[in-house]
Amino acid sequence: MSLQEASLVQNLDVWIAINIYGCNMDKKRWERPEDWWPERFLDNSKYESSDLHKTMAFGAGKRVCAGALQASLMAGIAIGRLVQEFEWKLRDGEEENVDTYEKFIFEEIV
């Protein structure tokens, strides 16, 4: 099945677009949606790193997003293409501020 065939609904060529910006900026759902404020997802109790259901973008368990693996792979491809296509460099004078120490961070959640 081609992409052209997959986009046909009742023999009509249909484009589907989701307004993610509108969902994220809905003032009925979010307090101060225009601000970068990740603490909004933490409640007043102490945050535990094992309590991932608050920060899991694709859900978990029975209702996990079916496209989570594909989205993760496509994000890696998109970042790789950006690195490949553009010439990346630091601003003048910032070369000495680069931390090249390799860090390995692994946290196992049981």
PDB file of N, CA and C in Angstrom:
ATOM      1  N   MET A   1       0.851  -1.173   0.000  1.00  0.00           N
ATOM      2  CA  MET A   1       0.000   0.000   0.000  1.00  0.00           C
ATOM      3  C   MET A   1       0.898   1.238   0.000  1.00  0.00           C
ATOM      4  N   SER A   2       0.640   2.139  -0.893  1.00  0.00           N
ATOM      5  CA  SER A   2       1.438   3.360  -0.970  1.00  0.00           C
ATOM      6  C   SER A   2       0.899   4.410  -0.010  1.00  0.00           C
ATOM      7  N   LEU A   3       1.700   5.453   0.211  1.00  0.00           N
ATOM      8  CA  LEU A   3       1.260   6.553   1.065  1.00  0.00           C
ATOM      9  C   LEU A   3       0.037   7.221   0.465  1.00  0.00           C
ATOM     10  N   GLN A   4       0.005   7.319  -0.861  1.00  0.00           N
ATOM     11  CA  GLN A   4      -1.151   7.924  -1.535  1.00  0.00           C
ATOM     12  C   GLN A   4      -2.415   7.113  -1.236  1.00  0.00           C
ATOM     13  N   GLU A   5      -2.314   5.780  -1.295  1.00  0.00           N
ATOM     14  CA  GLU A   5      -3.473   4.936  -1.010  1.00  0.00           C
ATOM     15  C   GLU A   5      -3.872   5.009   0.463  1.00  0.00           C
ATOM     16  N   ALA A   6      -2.876   5.124   1.346  1.00  0.00           N
ATOM     17  CA  ALA A   6      -3.156   5.159   2.780  1.00  0.00           C
ATOM     18  C   ALA A   6      -3.872   6.432   3.195  1.00  0.00           C
ATOM     19  N   SER A   7      -3.726   7.510   2.416  1.00  0.00           N
ATOM     20  CA  SER A   7      -4.352   8.776   2.796  1.00  0.00           C
ATOM     21  C   SER A   7      -5.746   8.939   2.198  1.00  0.00           C
ATOM     22  N   LEU A   8      -6.247   7.914   1.541  1.00  0.00           N
ATOM     23  CA  LEU A   8      -7.584   7.999   0.960  1.00  0.00           C
ATOM     24  C   LEU A   8      -8.628   7.563   1.978  1.00  0.00           C
ATOM     25  N   VAL A   9      -9.619   8.403   2.207  1.00  0.00           N
ATOM     26  CA  VAL A   9     -10.741   8.089   3.079  1.00  0.00           C
ATOM     27  C   VAL A   9     -11.988   8.238   2.234  1.00  0.00           C
ATOM     28  N   GLN A  10     -12.695   7.152   2.029  1.00  0.00           N
ATOM     29  CA  GLN A  10     -13.876   7.137   1.163  1.00  0.00           C
ATOM     30  C   GLN A  10     -13.561   7.775  -0.185  1.00  0.00           C
ATOM     31  N   ASN A  11     -12.415   7.377  -0.756  1.00  0.00           N
ATOM     32  CA  ASN A  11     -11.945   7.849  -2.061  1.00  0.00           C
ATOM     33  C   ASN A  11     -11.685   9.348  -2.109  1.00  0.00           C
ATOM     34  N   LEU A  12     -11.494   9.980  -0.970  1.00  0.00           N
ATOM     35  CA  LEU A  12     -11.118  11.393  -0.922  1.00  0.00           C
ATOM     36  C   LEU A  12      -9.684  11.487  -0.419  1.00  0.00           C
ATOM     37  N   ASP A  13      -8.882  12.311  -1.063  1.00  0.00           N
ATOM     38  CA  ASP A  13      -7.505  12.507  -0.621  1.00  0.00           C
ATOM     39  C   ASP A  13      -7.525  13.436   0.584  1.00  0.00           C
ATOM     40  N   VAL A  14      -7.130  12.933   1.749  1.00  0.00           N
ATOM     41  CA  VAL A  14      -7.285  13.670   3.000  1.00  0.00           C
ATOM     42  C   VAL A  14      -5.922  13.871   3.660  1.00  0.00           C
ATOM     43  N   TRP A  15      -5.643  15.104   4.057  1.00  0.00           N
ATOM     44  CA  TRP A  15      -4.467  15.409   4.859  1.00  0.00           C
ATOM     45  C   TRP A  15      -4.921  15.599   6.299  1.00  0.00           C
ATOM     46  N   ILE A  16      -4.203  15.010   7.223  1.00  0.00           N
ATOM     47  CA  ILE A  16      -4.556  15.126   8.633  1.00  0.00           C
ATOM     48  C   ILE A  16      -3.448  15.903   9.336  1.00  0.00           C
ATOM     49  N   ALA A  17      -3.821  16.956  10.035  1.00  0.00           N
ATOM     50  CA  ALA A  17      -2.856  17.752  10.801  1.00  0.00           C
ATOM     51  C   ALA A  17      -3.404  17.949  12.209  1.00  0.00           C
ATOM     52  N   ILE A  18      -2.566  17.726  13.183  1.00  0.00           N
ATOM     53  CA  ILE A  18      -2.961  17.915  14.576  1.00  0.00           C
ATOM     54  C   ILE A  18      -2.337  19.215  15.063  1.00  0.00           C
ATOM     55  N   ASN A  19      -3.138  20.067  15.637  1.00  0.00           N
ATOM     56  CA  ASN A  19      -2.663  21.355  16.128  1.00  0.00           C
ATOM     57  C   ASN A  19      -2.043  21.172  17.513  1.00  0.00           C
ATOM     58  N   ILE A  20      -0.807  20.708  17.539  1.00  0.00           N
ATOM     59  CA  ILE A  20      -0.123  20.459  18.806  1.00  0.00           C
ATOM     60  C   ILE A  20       0.098  21.764  19.557  1.00  0.00           C
ATOM     61  N   TYR A  21       0.420  22.821  18.831  1.00  0.00           N
ATOM     62  CA  TYR A  21       0.613  24.126  19.473  1.00  0.00           C
ATOM     63  C   TYR A  21      -0.661  24.537  20.208  1.00  0.00           C
ATOM     64  N   GLY A  22      -1.799  24.380  19.560  1.00  0.00           N
ATOM     65  CA  GLY A  22      -3.067  24.737  20.191  1.00  0.00           C
ATOM     66  C   GLY A  22      -3.354  23.903  21.428  1.00  0.00           C
ATOM     67  N   CYS A  23      -3.010  22.619  21.382  1.00  0.00           N
ATOM     68  CA  CYS A  23      -3.207  21.748  22.555  1.00  0.00           C
ATOM     69  C   CYS A  23      -2.316  22.181  23.712  1.00  0.00           C
ATOM     70  N   ASN A  24      -1.085  22.533  23.398  1.00  0.00           N
ATOM     71  CA  ASN A  24      -0.139  22.910  24.450  1.00  0.00           C
ATOM     72  C   ASN A  24      -0.369  24.311  24.997  1.00  0.00           C
ATOM     73  N   MET A  25      -1.053  25.164  24.252  1.00  0.00           N
ATOM     74  CA  MET A  25      -1.249  26.551  24.680  1.00  0.00           C
ATOM     75  C   MET A  25      -2.676  26.818  25.158  1.00  0.00           C
ATOM     76  N   ASP A  26      -3.437  25.778  25.427  1.00  0.00           N
ATOM     77  CA  ASP A  26      -4.823  25.916  25.870  1.00  0.00           C
ATOM     78  C   ASP A  26      -4.867  26.382  27.326  1.00  0.00           C
ATOM     79  N   LYS A  27      -5.340  27.599  27.549  1.00  0.00           N
ATOM     80  CA  LYS A  27      -5.370  28.162  28.905  1.00  0.00           C
ATOM     81  C   LYS A  27      -6.414  27.483  29.791  1.00  0.00           C
ATOM     82  N   LYS A  28      -7.346  26.759  29.191  1.00  0.00           N
ATOM     83  CA  LYS A  28      -8.315  26.007  29.994  1.00  0.00           C
ATOM     84  C   LYS A  28      -7.655  24.792  30.646  1.00  0.00           C
ATOM     85  N   ARG A  29      -6.613  24.285  30.035  1.00  0.00           N
ATOM     86  CA  ARG A  29      -5.943  23.086  30.539  1.00  0.00           C
ATOM     87  C   ARG A  29      -4.666  23.379  31.316  1.00  0.00           C
ATOM     88  N   TRP A  30      -3.954  24.445  30.947  1.00  0.00           N
ATOM     89  CA  TRP A  30      -2.644  24.716  31.525  1.00  0.00           C
ATOM     90  C   TRP A  30      -2.602  26.096  32.163  1.00  0.00           C
ATOM     91  N   GLU A  31      -2.045  26.158  33.343  1.00  0.00           N
ATOM     92  CA  GLU A  31      -1.782  27.445  33.986  1.00  0.00           C
ATOM     93  C   GLU A  31      -0.506  28.017  33.363  1.00  0.00           C
ATOM     94  N   ARG A  32      -0.541  29.240  32.909  1.00  0.00           N
ATOM     95  CA  ARG A  32       0.598  29.919  32.271  1.00  0.00           C
ATOM     96  C   ARG A  32       1.208  29.076  31.146  1.00  0.00           C
ATOM     97  N   PRO A  33       0.438  28.714  30.116  1.00  0.00           N
ATOM     98  CA  PRO A  33       0.958  27.836  29.070  1.00  0.00           C
ATOM     99  C   PRO A  33       2.109  28.435  28.273  1.00  0.00           C
ATOM    100  N   GLU A  34       2.223  29.746  28.250  1.00  0.00           N
ATOM    101  CA  GLU A  34       3.279  30.380  27.458  1.00  0.00           C
ATOM    102  C   GLU A  34       4.639  30.366  28.161  1.00  0.00           C
ATOM    103  N   ASP A  35       4.682  29.981  29.427  1.00  0.00           N
ATOM    104  CA  ASP A  35       5.933  29.967  30.191  1.00  0.00           C
ATOM    105  C   ASP A  35       6.573  28.586  30.181  1.00  0.00           C
ATOM    106  N   TRP A  36       7.907  28.558  30.133  1.00  0.00           N
ATOM    107  CA  TRP A  36       8.653  27.313  30.323  1.00  0.00           C
ATOM    108  C   TRP A  36       8.673  27.052  31.821  1.00  0.00           C
ATOM    109  N   TRP A  37       7.927  26.075  32.257  1.00  0.00           N
ATOM    110  CA  TRP A  37       7.725  25.844  33.683  1.00  0.00           C
ATOM    111  C   TRP A  37       7.512  24.351  33.921  1.00  0.00           C
ATOM    112  N   PRO A  38       8.566  23.542  33.812  1.00  0.00           N
ATOM    113  CA  PRO A  38       8.406  22.095  33.950  1.00  0.00           C
ATOM    114  C   PRO A  38       7.943  21.654  35.331  1.00  0.00           C
ATOM    115  N   GLU A  39       8.101  22.510  36.345  1.00  0.00           N
ATOM    116  CA  GLU A  39       7.672  22.150  37.692  1.00  0.00           C
ATOM    117  C   GLU A  39       6.161  21.990  37.785  1.00  0.00           C
ATOM    118  N   ARG A  40       5.433  22.447  36.777  1.00  0.00           N
ATOM    119  CA  ARG A  40       3.975  22.318  36.798  1.00  0.00           C
ATOM    120  C   ARG A  40       3.541  20.856  36.899  1.00  0.00           C
ATOM    121  N   PHE A  41       4.411  19.944  36.463  1.00  0.00           N
ATOM    122  CA  PHE A  41       4.060  18.527  36.474  1.00  0.00           C
ATOM    123  C   PHE A  41       4.376  17.851  37.800  1.00  0.00           C
ATOM    124  N   LEU A  42       5.002  18.563  38.695  1.00  0.00           N
ATOM    125  CA  LEU A  42       5.303  18.012  40.014  1.00  0.00           C
ATOM    126  C   LEU A  42       4.224  18.462  40.978  1.00  0.00           C
ATOM    127  N   ASP A  43       3.780  17.565  41.850  1.00  0.00           N
ATOM    128  CA  ASP A  43       2.845  18.035  42.872  1.00  0.00           C
ATOM    129  C   ASP A  43       3.639  18.449  44.093  1.00  0.00           C
ATOM    130  N   ASN A  44       2.937  18.776  45.129  1.00  0.00           N
ATOM    131  CA  ASN A  44       3.606  19.288  46.326  1.00  0.00           C
ATOM    132  C   ASN A  44       4.412  18.228  47.064  1.00  0.00           C
ATOM    133  N   SER A  45       4.169  16.958  46.753  1.00  0.00           N
ATOM    134  CA  SER A  45       4.937  15.899  47.415  1.00  0.00           C
ATOM    135  C   SER A  45       6.336  15.813  46.795  1.00  0.00           C
ATOM    136  N   LYS A  46       7.221  15.098  47.472  1.00  0.00           N
ATOM    137  CA  LYS A  46       8.585  14.949  46.969  1.00  0.00           C
ATOM    138  C   LYS A  46       8.558  14.154  45.669  1.00  0.00           C
ATOM    139  N   TYR A  47       9.312  14.609  44.706  1.00  0.00           N
ATOM    140  CA  TYR A  47       9.373  13.940  43.406  1.00  0.00           C
ATOM    141  C   TYR A  47      10.281  12.722  43.482  1.00  0.00           C
ATOM    142  N   GLU A  48       9.778  11.602  43.053  1.00  0.00           N
ATOM    143  CA  GLU A  48      10.560  10.372  43.004  1.00  0.00           C
ATOM    144  C   GLU A  48      10.828  10.031  41.545  1.00  0.00           C
ATOM    145  N   SER A  49      12.091   9.753  41.213  1.00  0.00           N
ATOM    146  CA  SER A  49      12.414   9.441  39.820  1.00  0.00           C
ATOM    147  C   SER A  49      11.744   8.156  39.354  1.00  0.00           C
ATOM    148  N   SER A  50      11.360   7.281  40.280  1.00  0.00           N
ATOM    149  CA  SER A  50      10.679   6.049  39.895  1.00  0.00           C
ATOM    150  C   SER A  50       9.209   6.284  39.563  1.00  0.00           C
ATOM    151  N   ASP A  51       8.706   7.472  39.861  1.00  0.00           N
ATOM    152  CA  ASP A  51       7.313   7.814  39.585  1.00  0.00           C
ATOM    153  C   ASP A  51       7.223   8.423  38.185  1.00  0.00           C
ATOM    154  N   LEU A  52       7.385   7.572  37.178  1.00  0.00           N
ATOM    155  CA  LEU A  52       7.519   8.061  35.810  1.00  0.00           C
ATOM    156  C   LEU A  52       6.212   8.419  35.125  1.00  0.00           C
ATOM    157  N   HIS A  53       5.058   8.046  35.670  1.00  0.00           N
ATOM    158  CA  HIS A  53       3.817   8.274  34.929  1.00  0.00           C
ATOM    159  C   HIS A  53       3.551   9.756  34.703  1.00  0.00           C
ATOM    160  N   LYS A  54       4.168  10.631  35.490  1.00  0.00           N
ATOM    161  CA  LYS A  54       3.956  12.070  35.308  1.00  0.00           C
ATOM    162  C   LYS A  54       4.769  12.622  34.147  1.00  0.00           C
ATOM    163  N   THR A  55       5.866  11.967  33.814  1.00  0.00           N
ATOM    164  CA  THR A  55       6.768  12.519  32.811  1.00  0.00           C
ATOM    165  C   THR A  55       6.905  11.653  31.567  1.00  0.00           C
ATOM    166  N   MET A  56       6.150  10.588  31.463  1.00  0.00           N
ATOM    167  CA  MET A  56       6.277   9.714  30.305  1.00  0.00           C
ATOM    168  C   MET A  56       5.449  10.261  29.155  1.00  0.00           C
ATOM    169  N   ALA A  57       6.125  10.708  28.136  1.00  0.00           N
ATOM    170  CA  ALA A  57       5.447  11.349  27.010  1.00  0.00           C
ATOM    171  C   ALA A  57       4.535  10.389  26.250  1.00  0.00           C
ATOM    172  N   PHE A  58       4.845   9.111  26.260  1.00  0.00           N
ATOM    173  CA  PHE A  58       4.073   8.160  25.470  1.00  0.00           C
ATOM    174  C   PHE A  58       3.198   7.246  26.313  1.00  0.00           C
ATOM    175  N   GLY A  59       3.046   7.550  27.579  1.00  0.00           N
ATOM    176  CA  GLY A  59       2.220   6.723  28.435  1.00  0.00           C
ATOM    177  C   GLY A  59       2.946   5.453  28.840  1.00  0.00           C
ATOM    178  N   ALA A  60       2.212   4.534  29.449  1.00  0.00           N
ATOM    179  CA  ALA A  60       2.810   3.281  29.894  1.00  0.00           C
ATOM    180  C   ALA A  60       1.716   2.242  30.072  1.00  0.00           C
ATOM    181  N   GLY A  61       2.144   1.009  30.214  1.00  0.00           N
ATOM    182  CA  GLY A  61       1.192  -0.067  30.475  1.00  0.00           C
ATOM    183  C   GLY A  61       0.277  -0.356  29.302  1.00  0.00           C
ATOM    184  N   LYS A  62      -0.981  -0.658  29.596  1.00  0.00           N
ATOM    185  CA  LYS A  62      -1.944  -1.026  28.557  1.00  0.00           C
ATOM    186  C   LYS A  62      -2.176   0.094  27.550  1.00  0.00           C
ATOM    187  N   ARG A  63      -2.062   1.330  28.009  1.00  0.00           N
ATOM    188  CA  ARG A  63      -2.401   2.454  27.142  1.00  0.00           C
ATOM    189  C   ARG A  63      -1.171   3.163  26.580  1.00  0.00           C
ATOM    190  N   VAL A  64      -0.067   2.439  26.474  1.00  0.00           N
ATOM    191  CA  VAL A  64       1.134   3.030  25.901  1.00  0.00           C
ATOM    192  C   VAL A  64       0.879   3.362  24.426  1.00  0.00           C
ATOM    193  N   CYS A  65       1.466   4.427  23.974  1.00  0.00           N
ATOM    194  CA  CYS A  65       1.295   4.873  22.591  1.00  0.00           C
ATOM    195  C   CYS A  65       1.886   3.835  21.639  1.00  0.00           C
ATOM    196  N   ALA A  66       1.116   3.427  20.660  1.00  0.00           N
ATOM    197  CA  ALA A  66       1.576   2.425  19.701  1.00  0.00           C
ATOM    198  C   ALA A  66       2.716   2.953  18.837  1.00  0.00           C
ATOM    199  N   GLY A  67       2.822   4.247  18.699  1.00  0.00           N
ATOM    200  CA  GLY A  67       3.859   4.840  17.858  1.00  0.00           C
ATOM    201  C   GLY A  67       5.079   5.322  18.618  1.00  0.00           C
ATOM    202  N   ALA A  68       5.224   4.937  19.884  1.00  0.00           N
ATOM    203  CA  ALA A  68       6.336   5.437  20.706  1.00  0.00           C
ATOM    204  C   ALA A  68       7.691   5.051  20.122  1.00  0.00           C
ATOM    205  N   LEU A  69       7.858   3.811  19.726  1.00  0.00           N
ATOM    206  CA  LEU A  69       9.135   3.366  19.174  1.00  0.00           C
ATOM    207  C   LEU A  69       9.435   4.104  17.877  1.00  0.00           C
ATOM    208  N   GLN A  70       8.434   4.206  17.018  1.00  0.00           N
ATOM    209  CA  GLN A  70       8.640   4.902  15.751  1.00  0.00           C
ATOM    210  C   GLN A  70       8.991   6.371  15.988  1.00  0.00           C
ATOM    211  N   ALA A  71       8.308   7.022  16.921  1.00  0.00           N
ATOM    212  CA  ALA A  71       8.591   8.430  17.218  1.00  0.00           C
ATOM    213  C   ALA A  71      10.010   8.593  17.752  1.00  0.00           C
ATOM    214  N   SER A  72      10.442   7.687  18.605  1.00  0.00           N
ATOM    215  CA  SER A  72      11.801   7.763  19.140  1.00  0.00           C
ATOM    216  C   SER A  72      12.833   7.590  18.035  1.00  0.00           C
ATOM    217  N   LEU A  73      12.596   6.639  17.150  1.00  0.00           N
ATOM    218  CA  LEU A  73      13.516   6.426  16.034  1.00  0.00           C
ATOM    219  C   LEU A  73      13.530   7.624  15.095  1.00  0.00           C
ATOM    220  N   MET A  74      12.357   8.169  14.807  1.00  0.00           N
ATOM    221  CA  MET A  74      12.284   9.309  13.896  1.00  0.00           C
ATOM    222  C   MET A  74      12.922  10.555  14.506  1.00  0.00           C
ATOM    223  N   ALA A  75      12.828  10.715  15.821  1.00  0.00           N
ATOM    224  CA  ALA A  75      13.488  11.848  16.473  1.00  0.00           C
ATOM    225  C   ALA A  75      14.998  11.735  16.302  1.00  0.00           C
ATOM    226  N   GLY A  76      15.526  10.534  16.459  1.00  0.00           N
ATOM    227  CA  GLY A  76      16.959  10.324  16.248  1.00  0.00           C
ATOM    228  C   GLY A  76      17.375  10.610  14.819  1.00  0.00           C
ATOM    229  N   ILE A  77      16.552  10.185  13.873  1.00  0.00           N
ATOM    230  CA  ILE A  77      16.841  10.454  12.462  1.00  0.00           C
ATOM    231  C   ILE A  77      16.790  11.952  12.183  1.00  0.00           C
ATOM    232  N   ALA A  78      15.794  12.634  12.735  1.00  0.00           N
ATOM    233  CA  ALA A  78      15.667  14.078  12.516  1.00  0.00           C
ATOM    234  C   ALA A  78      16.875  14.822  13.079  1.00  0.00           C
ATOM    235  N   ILE A  79      17.309  14.456  14.272  1.00  0.00           N
ATOM    236  CA  ILE A  79      18.484  15.105  14.863  1.00  0.00           C
ATOM    237  C   ILE A  79      19.726  14.795  14.029  1.00  0.00           C
ATOM    238  N   GLY A  80      19.848  13.554  13.587  1.00  0.00           N
ATOM    239  CA  GLY A  80      20.974  13.180  12.736  1.00  0.00           C
ATOM    240  C   GLY A  80      21.012  13.973  11.443  1.00  0.00           C
ATOM    241  N   ARG A  81      19.851  14.179  10.835  1.00  0.00           N
ATOM    242  CA  ARG A  81      19.790  14.973   9.591  1.00  0.00           C
ATOM    243  C   ARG A  81      20.168  16.426   9.845  1.00  0.00           C
ATOM    244  N   LEU A  82      19.744  16.989  10.976  1.00  0.00           N
ATOM    245  CA  LEU A  82      20.133  18.364  11.304  1.00  0.00           C
ATOM    246  C   LEU A  82      21.646  18.476  11.466  1.00  0.00           C
ATOM    247  N   VAL A  83      22.235  17.508  12.166  1.00  0.00           N
ATOM    248  CA  VAL A  83      23.684  17.511  12.352  1.00  0.00           C
ATOM    249  C   VAL A  83      24.387  17.368  11.011  1.00  0.00           C
ATOM    250  N   GLN A  84      23.843  16.537  10.133  1.00  0.00           N
ATOM    251  CA  GLN A  84      24.454  16.283   8.837  1.00  0.00           C
ATOM    252  C   GLN A  84      24.350  17.488   7.900  1.00  0.00           C
ATOM    253  N   GLU A  85      23.228  18.163   7.890  1.00  0.00           N
ATOM    254  CA  GLU A  85      22.963  19.192   6.890  1.00  0.00           C
ATOM    255  C   GLU A  85      23.491  20.577   7.236  1.00  0.00           C
ATOM    256  N   PHE A  86      23.689  20.864   8.506  1.00  0.00           N
ATOM    257  CA  PHE A  86      24.106  22.206   8.896  1.00  0.00           C
ATOM    258  C   PHE A  86      25.534  22.193   9.416  1.00  0.00           C
ATOM    259  N   GLU A  87      26.186  23.333   9.293  1.00  0.00           N
ATOM    260  CA  GLU A  87      27.519  23.489   9.863  1.00  0.00           C
ATOM    261  C   GLU A  87      27.351  24.089  11.254  1.00  0.00           C
ATOM    262  N   TRP A  88      27.697  23.324  12.262  1.00  0.00           N
ATOM    263  CA  TRP A  88      27.495  23.737  13.645  1.00  0.00           C
ATOM    264  C   TRP A  88      28.789  24.290  14.207  1.00  0.00           C
ATOM    265  N   LYS A  89      28.717  25.439  14.844  1.00  0.00           N
ATOM    266  CA  LYS A  89      29.898  25.994  15.500  1.00  0.00           C
ATOM    267  C   LYS A  89      29.466  26.864  16.669  1.00  0.00           C
ATOM    268  N   LEU A  90      30.388  27.071  17.587  1.00  0.00           N
ATOM    269  CA  LEU A  90      30.124  27.895  18.758  1.00  0.00           C
ATOM    270  C   LEU A  90      30.274  29.368  18.407  1.00  0.00           C
ATOM    271  N   ARG A  91      29.697  30.201  19.230  1.00  0.00           N
ATOM    272  CA  ARG A  91      29.907  31.638  19.068  1.00  0.00           C
ATOM    273  C   ARG A  91      31.373  31.952  19.340  1.00  0.00           C
ATOM    274  N   ASP A  92      31.839  33.035  18.783  1.00  0.00           N
ATOM    275  CA  ASP A  92      33.226  33.438  19.008  1.00  0.00           C
ATOM    276  C   ASP A  92      33.490  33.637  20.497  1.00  0.00           C
ATOM    277  N   GLY A  93      34.597  33.075  20.972  1.00  0.00           N
ATOM    278  CA  GLY A  93      34.976  33.233  22.368  1.00  0.00           C
ATOM    279  C   GLY A  93      34.399  32.188  23.299  1.00  0.00           C
ATOM    280  N   GLU A  94      33.554  31.282  22.816  1.00  0.00           N
ATOM    281  CA  GLU A  94      32.946  30.274  23.689  1.00  0.00           C
ATOM    282  C   GLU A  94      33.637  28.919  23.611  1.00  0.00           C
ATOM    283  N   GLU A  95      34.683  28.821  22.797  1.00  0.00           N
ATOM    284  CA  GLU A  95      35.358  27.536  22.632  1.00  0.00           C
ATOM    285  C   GLU A  95      35.925  27.005  23.947  1.00  0.00           C
ATOM    286  N   GLU A  96      36.421  27.907  24.811  1.00  0.00           N
ATOM    287  CA  GLU A  96      37.030  27.457  26.060  1.00  0.00           C
ATOM    288  C   GLU A  96      35.997  27.032  27.101  1.00  0.00           C
ATOM    289  N   ASN A  97      34.720  27.287  26.871  1.00  0.00           N
ATOM    290  CA  ASN A  97      33.673  26.932  27.835  1.00  0.00           C
ATOM    291  C   ASN A  97      33.039  25.564  27.573  1.00  0.00           C
ATOM    292  N   VAL A  98      33.560  24.826  26.609  1.00  0.00           N
ATOM    293  CA  VAL A  98      32.967  23.541  26.246  1.00  0.00           C
ATOM    294  C   VAL A  98      33.451  22.451  27.193  1.00  0.00           C
ATOM    295  N   ASP A  99      32.513  21.712  27.773  1.00  0.00           N
ATOM    296  CA  ASP A  99      32.836  20.593  28.650  1.00  0.00           C
ATOM    297  C   ASP A  99      32.831  19.327  27.803  1.00  0.00           C
ATOM    298  N   THR A 100      33.996  18.749  27.549  1.00  0.00           N
ATOM    299  CA  THR A 100      34.087  17.551  26.715  1.00  0.00           C
ATOM    300  C   THR A 100      34.165  16.272  27.540  1.00  0.00           C
ATOM    301  N   TYR A 101      33.959  16.397  28.851  1.00  0.00           N
ATOM    302  CA  TYR A 101      33.984  15.225  29.713  1.00  0.00           C
ATOM    303  C   TYR A 101      32.810  14.319  29.357  1.00  0.00           C
ATOM    304  N   GLU A 102      33.097  13.047  29.092  1.00  0.00           N
ATOM    305  CA  GLU A 102      32.037  12.112  28.735  1.00  0.00           C
ATOM    306  C   GLU A 102      31.322  11.652  29.992  1.00  0.00           C
ATOM    307  N   LYS A 103      30.019  11.678  29.923  1.00  0.00           N
ATOM    308  CA  LYS A 103      29.209  11.277  31.067  1.00  0.00           C
ATOM    309  C   LYS A 103      28.327  10.114  30.655  1.00  0.00           C
ATOM    310  N   PHE A 104      28.229   9.144  31.514  1.00  0.00           N
ATOM    311  CA  PHE A 104      27.329   8.023  31.277  1.00  0.00           C
ATOM    312  C   PHE A 104      26.302   8.025  32.395  1.00  0.00           C
ATOM    313  N   ILE A 105      25.074   8.235  32.028  1.00  0.00           N
ATOM    314  CA  ILE A 105      24.009   8.275  33.029  1.00  0.00           C
ATOM    315  C   ILE A 105      23.041   7.141  32.722  1.00  0.00           C
ATOM    316  N   PHE A 106      22.845   6.279  33.684  1.00  0.00           N
ATOM    317  CA  PHE A 106      21.914   5.170  33.506  1.00  0.00           C
ATOM    318  C   PHE A 106      21.148   4.997  34.802  1.00  0.00           C
ATOM    319  N   GLU A 107      19.865   5.020  34.682  1.00  0.00           N
ATOM    320  CA  GLU A 107      19.037   4.844  35.872  1.00  0.00           C
ATOM    321  C   GLU A 107      18.056   3.720  35.582  1.00  0.00           C
ATOM    322  N   GLU A 108      18.087   2.711  36.394  1.00  0.00           N
ATOM    323  CA  GLU A 108      17.187   1.582  36.192  1.00  0.00           C
ATOM    324  C   GLU A 108      15.957   1.753  37.071  1.00  0.00           C
ATOM    325  N   ILE A 109      14.811   1.660  36.453  1.00  0.00           N
ATOM    326  CA  ILE A 109      13.551   1.758  37.173  1.00  0.00           C
ATOM    327  C   ILE A 109      12.943   0.362  37.241  1.00  0.00           C
ATOM    328  N   VAL A 110      12.699  -0.107  38.431  1.00  0.00           N
ATOM    329  CA  VAL A 110      12.137  -1.452  38.596  1.00  0.00           C
ATOM    330  C   VAL A 110      10.656  -1.351  38.842  1.00  0.00           C
TER     331      VAL A 110
END
